[in-house]
């Protein structure tokens, strides 16, 4: 699809994960990346797996240093610099992350960023590890970071408050060159910035040519849904089953006339490999019912459309799913004639 970087896994985690990362690195021409703590065995495992880039990280917030890492600020800083130097020495591309950056003391964050930049980091990743940033605050943070490094900036946002994709976009606005995303937004806790949301926002709202084959986004989403066994909510932006569905009579009538009336216009279902659907339910209007009846081969009169619409609304109000078979049953009960071959001609 043209994805720029695949962060394939955490090679030191297990033999199986090491082999998976190695296999991915060998099987694609896309830049592959392996995760590593600022620990020698992690760095060596990532390098041995054959990835193009090693992404090394260390906690920098006081709460994580004290109660998770059990390390001092100076120990974290020293380990970060040593790890970056080892990766650079090995000839791999290096990304460094100050984990929990959005809850890190700003002066210490700047110290770590400047030190790892001087050590040769190609990328500085700024993670909102606990999802507490807001788009304006994240913009200011990335802008500040940009003033303290010559490395390219990458951002990593979590969705605890539903702001991950917005924060990723805000990061781009402030000068970041790359955002870490995941298909369907899956990830730790509430997940990460969603691949499909960030890509389509850039493509459709910012007119950025990402190089991603967006027509396969829905296909990719369904594949990840199946393999991960994590269902995609029906109202999920871009890839949810309802993303391009219309039930409201006003909406459906407008879309039948011109899809731009009640869709973004700059993003169509075809752009992401999806299909538009007129959903039948208690909010359905006559325009939608007529459209579906005609598509099914019927030639309804205005009176018949009104009666079938009434039945659809009543049935939908009982929280029943109005399928095409139900619509055809209503049409039969009302006595709607099927379209003749002569009329079709």
C-alpha atoms as a PDB file:
ATOM      1  CA  UNK A   1       0.000   0.000   0.000  1.00  0.00           C
ATOM      2  CA  UNK A   2       3.001   2.289   0.159  1.00  0.00           C
ATOM      3  CA  UNK A   3       3.310   2.393   3.947  1.00  0.00           C
ATOM      4  CA  UNK A   4       6.568   4.170   4.725  1.00  0.00           C
ATOM      5  CA  UNK A   5       7.832   2.264   7.781  1.00  0.00           C
ATOM      6  CA  UNK A   6       6.737  -0.982   9.409  1.00  0.00           C
ATOM      7  CA  UNK A   7       7.637  -1.198  13.086  1.00  0.00           C
ATOM      8  CA  UNK A   8       7.691  -4.971  13.085  1.00  0.00           C
ATOM      9  CA  UNK A   9       8.088  -5.773  16.757  1.00  0.00           C
ATOM     10  CA  UNK A  10      10.321  -6.145  19.809  1.00  0.00           C
ATOM     11  CA  UNK A  11      13.061  -8.608  18.750  1.00  0.00           C
ATOM     12  CA  UNK A  12      14.427  -9.287  22.253  1.00  0.00           C
ATOM     13  CA  UNK A  13      10.976 -10.219  23.545  1.00  0.00           C
ATOM     14  CA  UNK A  14      11.146 -13.875  22.488  1.00  0.00           C
ATOM     15  CA  UNK A  15      12.626 -16.197  19.875  1.00  0.00           C
ATOM     16  CA  UNK A  16       9.302 -16.201  18.042  1.00  0.00           C
ATOM     17  CA  UNK A  17       9.146 -12.415  17.899  1.00  0.00           C
ATOM     18  CA  UNK A  18      12.786 -12.174  16.822  1.00  0.00           C
ATOM     19  CA  UNK A  19      12.048 -14.553  13.941  1.00  0.00           C
ATOM     20  CA  UNK A  20       8.894 -12.651  13.009  1.00  0.00           C
ATOM     21  CA  UNK A  21      10.758  -9.343  12.853  1.00  0.00           C
ATOM     22  CA  UNK A  22      13.574 -10.955  10.869  1.00  0.00           C
ATOM     23  CA  UNK A  23      11.115 -12.513   8.416  1.00  0.00           C
ATOM     24  CA  UNK A  24       9.317  -9.192   7.895  1.00  0.00           C
ATOM     25  CA  UNK A  25      12.620  -7.375   7.347  1.00  0.00           C
ATOM     26  CA  UNK A  26      13.615  -9.959   4.728  1.00  0.00           C
ATOM     27  CA  UNK A  27      10.226  -9.938   2.993  1.00  0.00           C
ATOM     28  CA  UNK A  28       9.693  -6.272   2.190  1.00  0.00           C
ATOM     29  CA  UNK A  29      11.495  -3.385   0.559  1.00  0.00           C
ATOM     30  CA  UNK A  30       9.746  -1.008   2.976  1.00  0.00           C
ATOM     31  CA  UNK A  31      11.844   0.385   5.835  1.00  0.00           C
ATOM     32  CA  UNK A  32      11.513  -1.979   8.791  1.00  0.00           C
ATOM     33  CA  UNK A  33      12.013  -0.989  12.400  1.00  0.00           C
ATOM     34  CA  UNK A  34      12.668  -2.932  15.592  1.00  0.00           C
ATOM     35  CA  UNK A  35      11.965  -1.752  19.134  1.00  0.00           C
ATOM     36  CA  UNK A  36      14.592  -1.808  21.869  1.00  0.00           C
ATOM     37  CA  UNK A  37      14.897  -0.512  25.381  1.00  0.00           C
ATOM     38  CA  UNK A  38      18.130   1.333  26.197  1.00  0.00           C
ATOM     39  CA  UNK A  39      19.607  -2.029  27.160  1.00  0.00           C
ATOM     40  CA  UNK A  40      22.549  -3.659  25.392  1.00  0.00           C
ATOM     41  CA  UNK A  41      20.832  -7.017  24.775  1.00  0.00           C
ATOM     42  CA  UNK A  42      17.779  -5.237  23.286  1.00  0.00           C
ATOM     43  CA  UNK A  43      19.933  -3.181  20.946  1.00  0.00           C
ATOM     44  CA  UNK A  44      21.931  -6.202  19.797  1.00  0.00           C
ATOM     45  CA  UNK A  45      18.789  -8.279  19.200  1.00  0.00           C
ATOM     46  CA  UNK A  46      17.269  -5.518  17.092  1.00  0.00           C
ATOM     47  CA  UNK A  47      20.446  -5.114  15.064  1.00  0.00           C
ATOM     48  CA  UNK A  48      20.753  -8.887  14.593  1.00  0.00           C
ATOM     49  CA  UNK A  49      17.171  -9.116  13.307  1.00  0.00           C
ATOM     50  CA  UNK A  50      18.181  -7.208  10.177  1.00  0.00           C
ATOM     51  CA  UNK A  51      15.881  -4.201  10.488  1.00  0.00           C
ATOM     52  CA  UNK A  52      16.791  -0.919   8.798  1.00  0.00           C
ATOM     53  CA  UNK A  53      15.929   1.199  11.824  1.00  0.00           C
ATOM     54  CA  UNK A  54      16.218   0.633  15.574  1.00  0.00           C
ATOM     55  CA  UNK A  55      13.770   2.528  17.768  1.00  0.00           C
ATOM     56  CA  UNK A  56      15.197   2.760  21.277  1.00  0.00           C
ATOM     57  CA  UNK A  57      13.382   4.323  24.208  1.00  0.00           C
ATOM     58  CA  UNK A  58      13.645   5.145  27.894  1.00  0.00           C
ATOM     59  CA  UNK A  59      11.240   6.652  30.391  1.00  0.00           C
ATOM     60  CA  UNK A  60      11.891  10.305  31.182  1.00  0.00           C
ATOM     61  CA  UNK A  61       8.934  11.279  33.372  1.00  0.00           C
ATOM     62  CA  UNK A  62       9.665  11.218  37.093  1.00  0.00           C
ATOM     63  CA  UNK A  63       6.734   8.924  37.872  1.00  0.00           C
ATOM     64  CA  UNK A  64       7.933   6.264  35.421  1.00  0.00           C
ATOM     65  CA  UNK A  65      11.601   6.657  36.374  1.00  0.00           C
ATOM     66  CA  UNK A  66      10.821   6.238  40.063  1.00  0.00           C
ATOM     67  CA  UNK A  67       8.057   3.619  40.045  1.00  0.00           C
ATOM     68  CA  UNK A  68       8.598   1.683  36.795  1.00  0.00           C
ATOM     69  CA  UNK A  69      12.237   1.959  35.777  1.00  0.00           C
ATOM     70  CA  UNK A  70      13.653   2.500  39.302  1.00  0.00           C
ATOM     71  CA  UNK A  71      16.346   4.716  37.806  1.00  0.00           C
ATOM     72  CA  UNK A  72      17.564   8.281  38.182  1.00  0.00           C
ATOM     73  CA  UNK A  73      17.367  10.950  35.514  1.00  0.00           C
ATOM     74  CA  UNK A  74      21.127  10.749  35.005  1.00  0.00           C
ATOM     75  CA  UNK A  75      21.038   6.977  34.562  1.00  0.00           C
ATOM     76  CA  UNK A  76      18.283   7.313  31.968  1.00  0.00           C
ATOM     77  CA  UNK A  77      20.206  10.012  30.128  1.00  0.00           C
ATOM     78  CA  UNK A  78      23.461   8.029  30.093  1.00  0.00           C
ATOM     79  CA  UNK A  79      21.740   4.865  28.871  1.00  0.00           C
ATOM     80  CA  UNK A  80      19.951   6.794  26.125  1.00  0.00           C
ATOM     81  CA  UNK A  81      23.156   8.325  24.785  1.00  0.00           C
ATOM     82  CA  UNK A  82      25.050   5.014  24.910  1.00  0.00           C
ATOM     83  CA  UNK A  83      22.244   3.205  23.060  1.00  0.00           C
ATOM     84  CA  UNK A  84      21.993   5.827  20.335  1.00  0.00           C
ATOM     85  CA  UNK A  85      25.765   5.740  19.860  1.00  0.00           C
ATOM     86  CA  UNK A  86      25.711   1.929  19.533  1.00  0.00           C
ATOM     87  CA  UNK A  87      22.978   1.982  16.898  1.00  0.00           C
ATOM     88  CA  UNK A  88      24.718   4.726  14.908  1.00  0.00           C
ATOM     89  CA  UNK A  89      28.013   2.861  15.138  1.00  0.00           C
ATOM     90  CA  UNK A  90      26.339  -0.243  13.694  1.00  0.00           C
ATOM     91  CA  UNK A  91      25.176   1.739  10.665  1.00  0.00           C
ATOM     92  CA  UNK A  92      21.436   1.428  11.310  1.00  0.00           C
ATOM     93  CA  UNK A  93      19.004   4.309  11.236  1.00  0.00           C
ATOM     94  CA  UNK A  94      18.301   5.429  14.805  1.00  0.00           C
ATOM     95  CA  UNK A  95      15.083   6.654  16.394  1.00  0.00           C
ATOM     96  CA  UNK A  96      15.065   7.692  20.041  1.00  0.00           C
ATOM     97  CA  UNK A  97      11.997   8.168  22.253  1.00  0.00           C
ATOM     98  CA  UNK A  98      11.795   9.867  25.647  1.00  0.00           C
ATOM     99  CA  UNK A  99       8.882   7.745  26.878  1.00  0.00           C
ATOM    100  CA  UNK A 100       6.057   9.649  28.589  1.00  0.00           C
ATOM    101  CA  UNK A 101       7.370  12.884  27.078  1.00  0.00           C
ATOM    102  CA  UNK A 102       4.110  14.740  27.665  1.00  0.00           C
ATOM    103  CA  UNK A 103       4.462  14.194  31.432  1.00  0.00           C
ATOM    104  CA  UNK A 104       8.210  14.883  31.561  1.00  0.00           C
ATOM    105  CA  UNK A 105       9.789  17.950  33.126  1.00  0.00           C
ATOM    106  CA  UNK A 106      10.462  20.248  30.171  1.00  0.00           C
ATOM    107  CA  UNK A 107      14.025  21.154  31.116  1.00  0.00           C
ATOM    108  CA  UNK A 108      14.978  17.491  31.460  1.00  0.00           C
ATOM    109  CA  UNK A 109      13.184  16.633  28.216  1.00  0.00           C
ATOM    110  CA  UNK A 110      15.242  19.259  26.389  1.00  0.00           C
ATOM    111  CA  UNK A 111      18.431  17.916  27.993  1.00  0.00           C
ATOM    112  CA  UNK A 112      17.694  14.367  26.804  1.00  0.00           C
ATOM    113  CA  UNK A 113      16.700  15.480  23.300  1.00  0.00           C
ATOM    114  CA  UNK A 114      19.816  17.588  22.840  1.00  0.00           C
ATOM    115  CA  UNK A 115      22.100  14.835  24.160  1.00  0.00           C
ATOM    116  CA  UNK A 116      20.639  12.075  21.964  1.00  0.00           C
ATOM    117  CA  UNK A 117      20.625  14.393  18.949  1.00  0.00           C
ATOM    118  CA  UNK A 118      24.316  15.114  19.480  1.00  0.00           C
ATOM    119  CA  UNK A 119      24.909  11.366  19.790  1.00  0.00           C
ATOM    120  CA  UNK A 120      23.594  10.957  16.241  1.00  0.00           C
ATOM    121  CA  UNK A 121      19.893  10.089  16.463  1.00  0.00           C
ATOM    122  CA  UNK A 122      18.249  10.390  13.039  1.00  0.00           C
ATOM    123  CA  UNK A 123      14.779  10.648  14.527  1.00  0.00           C
ATOM    124  CA  UNK A 124      13.423  11.996  17.807  1.00  0.00           C
ATOM    125  CA  UNK A 125      10.060  10.453  18.590  1.00  0.00           C
ATOM    126  CA  UNK A 126       7.795  12.339  21.000  1.00  0.00           C
ATOM    127  CA  UNK A 127       5.303   9.920  22.561  1.00  0.00           C
ATOM    128  CA  UNK A 128       2.136  10.897  24.386  1.00  0.00           C
ATOM    129  CA  UNK A 129       2.410   7.596  26.230  1.00  0.00           C
ATOM    130  CA  UNK A 130      -0.621   8.048  28.479  1.00  0.00           C
ATOM    131  CA  UNK A 131      -2.783   9.986  26.028  1.00  0.00           C
ATOM    132  CA  UNK A 132      -2.986  13.165  28.121  1.00  0.00           C
ATOM    133  CA  UNK A 133      -2.021  15.734  25.482  1.00  0.00           C
ATOM    134  CA  UNK A 134      -4.480  18.029  23.768  1.00  0.00           C
ATOM    135  CA  UNK A 135      -3.868  19.144  20.162  1.00  0.00           C
ATOM    136  CA  UNK A 136      -2.861  22.702  21.103  1.00  0.00           C
ATOM    137  CA  UNK A 137      -0.545  21.583  23.892  1.00  0.00           C
ATOM    138  CA  UNK A 138       0.970  18.884  21.696  1.00  0.00           C
ATOM    139  CA  UNK A 139       1.571  21.451  18.933  1.00  0.00           C
ATOM    140  CA  UNK A 140       3.456  23.670  21.360  1.00  0.00           C
ATOM    141  CA  UNK A 141       5.535  20.721  22.610  1.00  0.00           C
ATOM    142  CA  UNK A 142       6.552  19.600  19.110  1.00  0.00           C
ATOM    143  CA  UNK A 143       7.361  23.161  18.113  1.00  0.00           C
ATOM    144  CA  UNK A 144       9.575  23.450  21.204  1.00  0.00           C
ATOM    145  CA  UNK A 145      11.308  20.136  20.474  1.00  0.00           C
ATOM    146  CA  UNK A 146      11.924  21.214  16.885  1.00  0.00           C
ATOM    147  CA  UNK A 147      13.941  24.120  18.216  1.00  0.00           C
ATOM    148  CA  UNK A 148      16.308  21.809  20.117  1.00  0.00           C
ATOM    149  CA  UNK A 149      17.193  19.164  17.536  1.00  0.00           C
ATOM    150  CA  UNK A 150      18.318  18.823  13.940  1.00  0.00           C
ATOM    151  CA  UNK A 151      16.895  15.308  13.833  1.00  0.00           C
ATOM    152  CA  UNK A 152      13.588  14.641  12.111  1.00  0.00           C
ATOM    153  CA  UNK A 153      10.626  14.471  14.465  1.00  0.00           C
ATOM    154  CA  UNK A 154       8.216  11.585  14.782  1.00  0.00           C
ATOM    155  CA  UNK A 155       5.114  11.516  17.003  1.00  0.00           C
ATOM    156  CA  UNK A 156       3.349   8.702  18.837  1.00  0.00           C
ATOM    157  CA  UNK A 157      -0.122   9.382  20.251  1.00  0.00           C
ATOM    158  CA  UNK A 158      -2.410   7.293  22.473  1.00  0.00           C
ATOM    159  CA  UNK A 159      -6.188   7.538  22.392  1.00  0.00           C
ATOM    160  CA  UNK A 160      -7.189   7.580  26.075  1.00  0.00           C
ATOM    161  CA  UNK A 161      -9.277  10.723  25.521  1.00  0.00           C
ATOM    162  CA  UNK A 162     -10.064  10.083  21.850  1.00  0.00           C
ATOM    163  CA  UNK A 163      -7.466  12.642  20.729  1.00  0.00           C
ATOM    164  CA  UNK A 164      -4.742  10.432  19.244  1.00  0.00           C
ATOM    165  CA  UNK A 165      -5.377  11.124  15.565  1.00  0.00           C
ATOM    166  CA  UNK A 166      -5.951  14.828  16.241  1.00  0.00           C
ATOM    167  CA  UNK A 167      -2.681  14.980  18.186  1.00  0.00           C
ATOM    168  CA  UNK A 168      -0.819  13.226  15.365  1.00  0.00           C
ATOM    169  CA  UNK A 169      -2.135  15.802  12.894  1.00  0.00           C
ATOM    170  CA  UNK A 170      -1.255  18.597  15.311  1.00  0.00           C
ATOM    171  CA  UNK A 171       2.257  17.174  15.446  1.00  0.00           C
ATOM    172  CA  UNK A 172       2.514  17.449  11.655  1.00  0.00           C
ATOM    173  CA  UNK A 173       1.285  21.035  11.785  1.00  0.00           C
ATOM    174  CA  UNK A 174       4.023  21.865  14.311  1.00  0.00           C
ATOM    175  CA  UNK A 175       6.817  20.402  12.194  1.00  0.00           C
ATOM    176  CA  UNK A 176       6.864  16.629  12.679  1.00  0.00           C
ATOM    177  CA  UNK A 177       7.802  14.594   9.605  1.00  0.00           C
ATOM    178  CA  UNK A 178       6.225  11.299  10.606  1.00  0.00           C
ATOM    179  CA  UNK A 179       3.527   9.837  12.847  1.00  0.00           C
ATOM    180  CA  UNK A 180       3.284   6.342  14.281  1.00  0.00           C
ATOM    181  CA  UNK A 181      -0.136   4.866  13.584  1.00  0.00           C
ATOM    182  CA  UNK A 182      -1.888   1.518  13.794  1.00  0.00           C
ATOM    183  CA  UNK A 183      -4.592   0.005  11.613  1.00  0.00           C
ATOM    184  CA  UNK A 184      -8.035   0.434  13.201  1.00  0.00           C
ATOM    185  CA  UNK A 185      -6.292   2.340  16.001  1.00  0.00           C
ATOM    186  CA  UNK A 186      -5.547  -0.861  17.926  1.00  0.00           C
ATOM    187  CA  UNK A 187      -2.897  -0.626  20.618  1.00  0.00           C
ATOM    188  CA  UNK A 188      -2.252  -0.444  24.340  1.00  0.00           C
ATOM    189  CA  UNK A 189      -5.304   0.527  26.431  1.00  0.00           C
ATOM    190  CA  UNK A 190      -7.593   2.683  24.234  1.00  0.00           C
ATOM    191  CA  UNK A 191      -5.215   2.308  21.302  1.00  0.00           C
ATOM    192  CA  UNK A 192      -3.131   4.590  19.119  1.00  0.00           C
ATOM    193  CA  UNK A 193      -3.671   7.100  16.339  1.00  0.00           C
ATOM    194  CA  UNK A 194      -5.496   5.236  13.588  1.00  0.00           C
ATOM    195  CA  UNK A 195      -3.719   4.615  10.280  1.00  0.00           C
ATOM    196  CA  UNK A 196      -6.871   5.212   8.255  1.00  0.00           C
ATOM    197  CA  UNK A 197      -7.845   8.409  10.083  1.00  0.00           C
ATOM    198  CA  UNK A 198      -4.428  10.060   9.864  1.00  0.00           C
ATOM    199  CA  UNK A 199      -3.850   9.070   6.222  1.00  0.00           C
ATOM    200  CA  UNK A 200      -7.252  10.248   5.003  1.00  0.00           C
ATOM    201  CA  UNK A 201      -7.076  13.472   7.007  1.00  0.00           C
ATOM    202  CA  UNK A 202      -3.757  14.276   5.369  1.00  0.00           C
ATOM    203  CA  UNK A 203      -4.976  13.266   1.911  1.00  0.00           C
ATOM    204  CA  UNK A 204      -8.438  14.824   1.975  1.00  0.00           C
ATOM    205  CA  UNK A 205      -8.268  17.781   4.367  1.00  0.00           C
ATOM    206  CA  UNK A 206      -4.643  18.873   3.941  1.00  0.00           C
ATOM    207  CA  UNK A 207      -4.229  17.875   0.272  1.00  0.00           C
ATOM    208  CA  UNK A 208      -1.036  15.957   1.075  1.00  0.00           C
ATOM    209  CA  UNK A 209       0.013  13.170  -1.267  1.00  0.00           C
ATOM    210  CA  UNK A 210       1.080  10.530   1.251  1.00  0.00           C
ATOM    211  CA  UNK A 211       1.930   7.881  -1.337  1.00  0.00           C
ATOM    212  CA  UNK A 212      -0.457   5.470   0.393  1.00  0.00           C
ATOM    213  CA  UNK A 213      -2.819   3.419  -1.810  1.00  0.00           C
ATOM    214  CA  UNK A 214      -5.941   4.593  -0.006  1.00  0.00           C
ATOM    215  CA  UNK A 215      -8.253   2.372  -2.091  1.00  0.00           C
ATOM    216  CA  UNK A 216      -7.067  -0.604  -0.002  1.00  0.00           C
ATOM    217  CA  UNK A 217      -7.695   0.963   3.405  1.00  0.00           C
ATOM    218  CA  UNK A 218     -11.009  -0.823   3.976  1.00  0.00           C
ATOM    219  CA  UNK A 219      -9.525  -4.131   2.806  1.00  0.00           C
ATOM    220  CA  UNK A 220      -6.598  -3.704   5.201  1.00  0.00           C
ATOM    221  CA  UNK A 221      -8.936  -2.801   8.053  1.00  0.00           C
ATOM    222  CA  UNK A 222     -11.016  -5.949   7.537  1.00  0.00           C
ATOM    223  CA  UNK A 223      -7.859  -8.090   7.386  1.00  0.00           C
ATOM    224  CA  UNK A 224      -6.528  -6.685  10.672  1.00  0.00           C
ATOM    225  CA  UNK A 225      -9.971  -7.030  12.254  1.00  0.00           C
ATOM    226  CA  UNK A 226     -10.052 -10.691  11.282  1.00  0.00           C
ATOM    227  CA  UNK A 227      -6.492 -11.565  12.315  1.00  0.00           C
ATOM    228  CA  UNK A 228      -6.504  -9.566  15.558  1.00  0.00           C
ATOM    229  CA  UNK A 229     -10.021 -10.648  16.574  1.00  0.00           C
ATOM    230  CA  UNK A 230     -10.633  -7.034  17.652  1.00  0.00           C
ATOM    231  CA  UNK A 231     -13.948  -5.899  16.143  1.00  0.00           C
ATOM    232  CA  UNK A 232     -14.217  -2.525  14.418  1.00  0.00           C
ATOM    233  CA  UNK A 233     -17.103  -0.445  15.833  1.00  0.00           C
ATOM    234  CA  UNK A 234     -19.800   0.238  13.258  1.00  0.00           C
ATOM    235  CA  UNK A 235     -19.398   3.994  13.754  1.00  0.00           C
ATOM    236  CA  UNK A 236     -15.594   3.930  13.438  1.00  0.00           C
ATOM    237  CA  UNK A 237     -14.436   6.779  11.148  1.00  0.00           C
ATOM    238  CA  UNK A 238     -13.390   5.805   7.607  1.00  0.00           C
ATOM    239  CA  UNK A 239     -13.642   2.005   8.002  1.00  0.00           C
ATOM    240  CA  UNK A 240     -16.718   1.376  10.177  1.00  0.00           C
ATOM    241  CA  UNK A 241     -19.654  -0.341   8.499  1.00  0.00           C
ATOM    242  CA  UNK A 242     -21.733   2.814   8.998  1.00  0.00           C
ATOM    243  CA  UNK A 243     -19.079   5.274   7.785  1.00  0.00           C
ATOM    244  CA  UNK A 244     -20.797   5.711   4.414  1.00  0.00           C
ATOM    245  CA  UNK A 245     -24.305   4.552   5.387  1.00  0.00           C
ATOM    246  CA  UNK A 246     -27.359   6.812   5.393  1.00  0.00           C
ATOM    247  CA  UNK A 247     -30.662   6.160   7.164  1.00  0.00           C
ATOM    248  CA  UNK A 248     -32.125   9.591   7.872  1.00  0.00           C
ATOM    249  CA  UNK A 249     -34.680  10.532   5.247  1.00  0.00           C
ATOM    250  CA  UNK A 250     -33.172  14.005   4.795  1.00  0.00           C
ATOM    251  CA  UNK A 251     -29.661  12.603   4.447  1.00  0.00           C
ATOM    252  CA  UNK A 252     -30.611   9.791   2.095  1.00  0.00           C
ATOM    253  CA  UNK A 253     -32.646  12.074  -0.156  1.00  0.00           C
ATOM    254  CA  UNK A 254     -29.751  14.501  -0.376  1.00  0.00           C
ATOM    255  CA  UNK A 255     -27.187  11.787  -1.098  1.00  0.00           C
ATOM    256  CA  UNK A 256     -29.352  10.291  -3.835  1.00  0.00           C
ATOM    257  CA  UNK A 257     -29.379  13.717  -5.507  1.00  0.00           C
ATOM    258  CA  UNK A 258     -25.714  14.565  -4.814  1.00  0.00           C
ATOM    259  CA  UNK A 259     -23.469  12.596  -2.453  1.00  0.00           C
ATOM    260  CA  UNK A 260     -21.628  15.789  -1.446  1.00  0.00           C
ATOM    261  CA  UNK A 261     -24.732  17.003   0.396  1.00  0.00           C
ATOM    262  CA  UNK A 262     -24.267  14.713   3.399  1.00  0.00           C
ATOM    263  CA  UNK A 263     -20.780  13.280   2.900  1.00  0.00           C
ATOM    264  CA  UNK A 264     -17.456  15.140   3.227  1.00  0.00           C
ATOM    265  CA  UNK A 265     -17.114  15.420  -0.543  1.00  0.00           C
ATOM    266  CA  UNK A 266     -13.318  15.440  -0.301  1.00  0.00           C
ATOM    267  CA  UNK A 267     -13.515  11.798   0.809  1.00  0.00           C
ATOM    268  CA  UNK A 268     -15.714   9.311  -1.033  1.00  0.00           C
ATOM    269  CA  UNK A 269     -16.266   5.624  -0.253  1.00  0.00           C
ATOM    270  CA  UNK A 270     -14.453   4.759  -3.476  1.00  0.00           C
ATOM    271  CA  UNK A 271     -11.317   6.522  -2.240  1.00  0.00           C
ATOM    272  CA  UNK A 272     -11.002   4.036   0.636  1.00  0.00           C
ATOM    273  CA  UNK A 273     -12.345   0.968  -1.142  1.00  0.00           C
ATOM    274  CA  UNK A 274     -15.766   1.064   0.540  1.00  0.00           C
ATOM    275  CA  UNK A 275     -19.336   1.316  -0.745  1.00  0.00           C
ATOM    276  CA  UNK A 276     -22.138   3.759   0.005  1.00  0.00           C
ATOM    277  CA  UNK A 277     -25.251   2.205   1.535  1.00  0.00           C
ATOM    278  CA  UNK A 278     -28.776   3.448   2.117  1.00  0.00           C
ATOM    279  CA  UNK A 279     -29.835   1.841   5.394  1.00  0.00           C
ATOM    280  CA  UNK A 280     -33.494   1.065   6.076  1.00  0.00           C
ATOM    281  CA  UNK A 281     -34.856   1.844   9.540  1.00  0.00           C
ATOM    282  CA  UNK A 282     -37.181   4.041  11.580  1.00  0.00           C
ATOM    283  CA  UNK A 283     -35.632   7.231  10.180  1.00  0.00           C
ATOM    284  CA  UNK A 284     -35.856   6.136   6.541  1.00  0.00           C
ATOM    285  CA  UNK A 285     -37.620   8.422   4.085  1.00  0.00           C
ATOM    286  CA  UNK A 286     -39.590   7.729   0.925  1.00  0.00           C
ATOM    287  CA  UNK A 287     -36.709   8.645  -1.385  1.00  0.00           C
ATOM    288  CA  UNK A 288     -34.556   5.886   0.060  1.00  0.00           C
ATOM    289  CA  UNK A 289     -37.351   3.308  -0.017  1.00  0.00           C
ATOM    290  CA  UNK A 290     -38.153   4.126  -3.645  1.00  0.00           C
ATOM    291  CA  UNK A 291     -34.473   3.839  -4.585  1.00  0.00           C
ATOM    292  CA  UNK A 292     -34.148   0.435  -2.931  1.00  0.00           C
ATOM    293  CA  UNK A 293     -37.389  -0.865  -4.461  1.00  0.00           C
ATOM    294  CA  UNK A 294     -36.356   0.218  -7.952  1.00  0.00           C
ATOM    295  CA  UNK A 295     -32.921  -1.350  -7.463  1.00  0.00           C
ATOM    296  CA  UNK A 296     -34.685  -4.585  -6.487  1.00  0.00           C
ATOM    297  CA  UNK A 297     -36.714  -4.564  -9.730  1.00  0.00           C
ATOM    298  CA  UNK A 298     -40.010  -3.038  -8.579  1.00  0.00           C
ATOM    299  CA  UNK A 299     -42.055  -0.258 -10.181  1.00  0.00           C
ATOM    300  CA  UNK A 300     -43.876   1.309  -7.208  1.00  0.00           C
ATOM    301  CA  UNK A 301     -46.472   4.044  -7.374  1.00  0.00           C
ATOM    302  CA  UNK A 302     -46.242   7.048  -5.038  1.00  0.00           C
ATOM    303  CA  UNK A 303     -48.971   5.600  -2.833  1.00  0.00           C
ATOM    304  CA  UNK A 304     -47.188   2.256  -2.651  1.00  0.00           C
ATOM    305  CA  UNK A 305     -43.920   3.922  -1.724  1.00  0.00           C
ATOM    306  CA  UNK A 306     -45.680   5.770   1.122  1.00  0.00           C
ATOM    307  CA  UNK A 307     -47.204   2.550   2.446  1.00  0.00           C
ATOM    308  CA  UNK A 308     -43.977   0.551   2.232  1.00  0.00           C
ATOM    309  CA  UNK A 309     -42.141   3.439   3.925  1.00  0.00           C
ATOM    310  CA  UNK A 310     -44.667   3.400   6.786  1.00  0.00           C
ATOM    311  CA  UNK A 311     -44.093  -0.330   7.281  1.00  0.00           C
ATOM    312  CA  UNK A 312     -40.322   0.126   7.191  1.00  0.00           C
ATOM    313  CA  UNK A 313     -40.510   2.858   9.857  1.00  0.00           C
ATOM    314  CA  UNK A 314     -42.828   0.799  12.094  1.00  0.00           C
ATOM    315  CA  UNK A 315     -40.645  -2.286  11.767  1.00  0.00           C
ATOM    316  CA  UNK A 316     -37.470  -0.288  12.424  1.00  0.00           C
ATOM    317  CA  UNK A 317     -39.026   1.387  15.470  1.00  0.00           C
ATOM    318  CA  UNK A 318     -39.345  -2.060  17.015  1.00  0.00           C
ATOM    319  CA  UNK A 319     -35.536  -2.284  16.763  1.00  0.00           C
ATOM    320  CA  UNK A 320     -35.852  -4.861  14.022  1.00  0.00           C
ATOM    321  CA  UNK A 321     -33.291  -4.933  11.221  1.00  0.00           C
ATOM    322  CA  UNK A 322     -34.914  -3.973   7.939  1.00  0.00           C
ATOM    323  CA  UNK A 323     -33.169  -6.188   5.420  1.00  0.00           C
ATOM    324  CA  UNK A 324     -33.823  -6.404   1.693  1.00  0.00           C
ATOM    325  CA  UNK A 325     -35.835  -9.575   2.277  1.00  0.00           C
ATOM    326  CA  UNK A 326     -38.073  -7.657   4.702  1.00  0.00           C
ATOM    327  CA  UNK A 327     -38.434  -4.819   2.189  1.00  0.00           C
ATOM    328  CA  UNK A 328     -39.448  -7.292  -0.512  1.00  0.00           C
ATOM    329  CA  UNK A 329     -41.956  -8.846   1.895  1.00  0.00           C
ATOM    330  CA  UNK A 330     -43.495  -5.425   2.507  1.00  0.00           C
ATOM    331  CA  UNK A 331     -43.598  -4.787  -1.242  1.00  0.00           C
ATOM    332  CA  UNK A 332     -45.438  -8.089  -1.790  1.00  0.00           C
ATOM    333  CA  UNK A 333     -47.920  -7.354   1.013  1.00  0.00           C
ATOM    334  CA  UNK A 334     -48.640  -3.899  -0.416  1.00  0.00           C
ATOM    335  CA  UNK A 335     -48.965  -5.349  -3.926  1.00  0.00           C
ATOM    336  CA  UNK A 336     -46.133  -3.492  -5.623  1.00  0.00           C
ATOM    337  CA  UNK A 337     -45.694  -4.695  -9.187  1.00  0.00           C
ATOM    338  CA  UNK A 338     -42.329  -5.860 -10.422  1.00  0.00           C
ATOM    339  CA  UNK A 339     -40.901  -3.844 -13.271  1.00  0.00           C
ATOM    340  CA  UNK A 340     -41.730  -5.387 -16.662  1.00  0.00           C
ATOM    341  CA  UNK A 341     -39.131  -6.018 -19.332  1.00  0.00           C
ATOM    342  CA  UNK A 342     -40.902  -3.469 -21.537  1.00  0.00           C
ATOM    343  CA  UNK A 343     -40.632  -0.782 -18.859  1.00  0.00           C
ATOM    344  CA  UNK A 344     -36.980  -1.663 -18.274  1.00  0.00           C
ATOM    345  CA  UNK A 345     -36.259  -1.203 -21.952  1.00  0.00           C
END
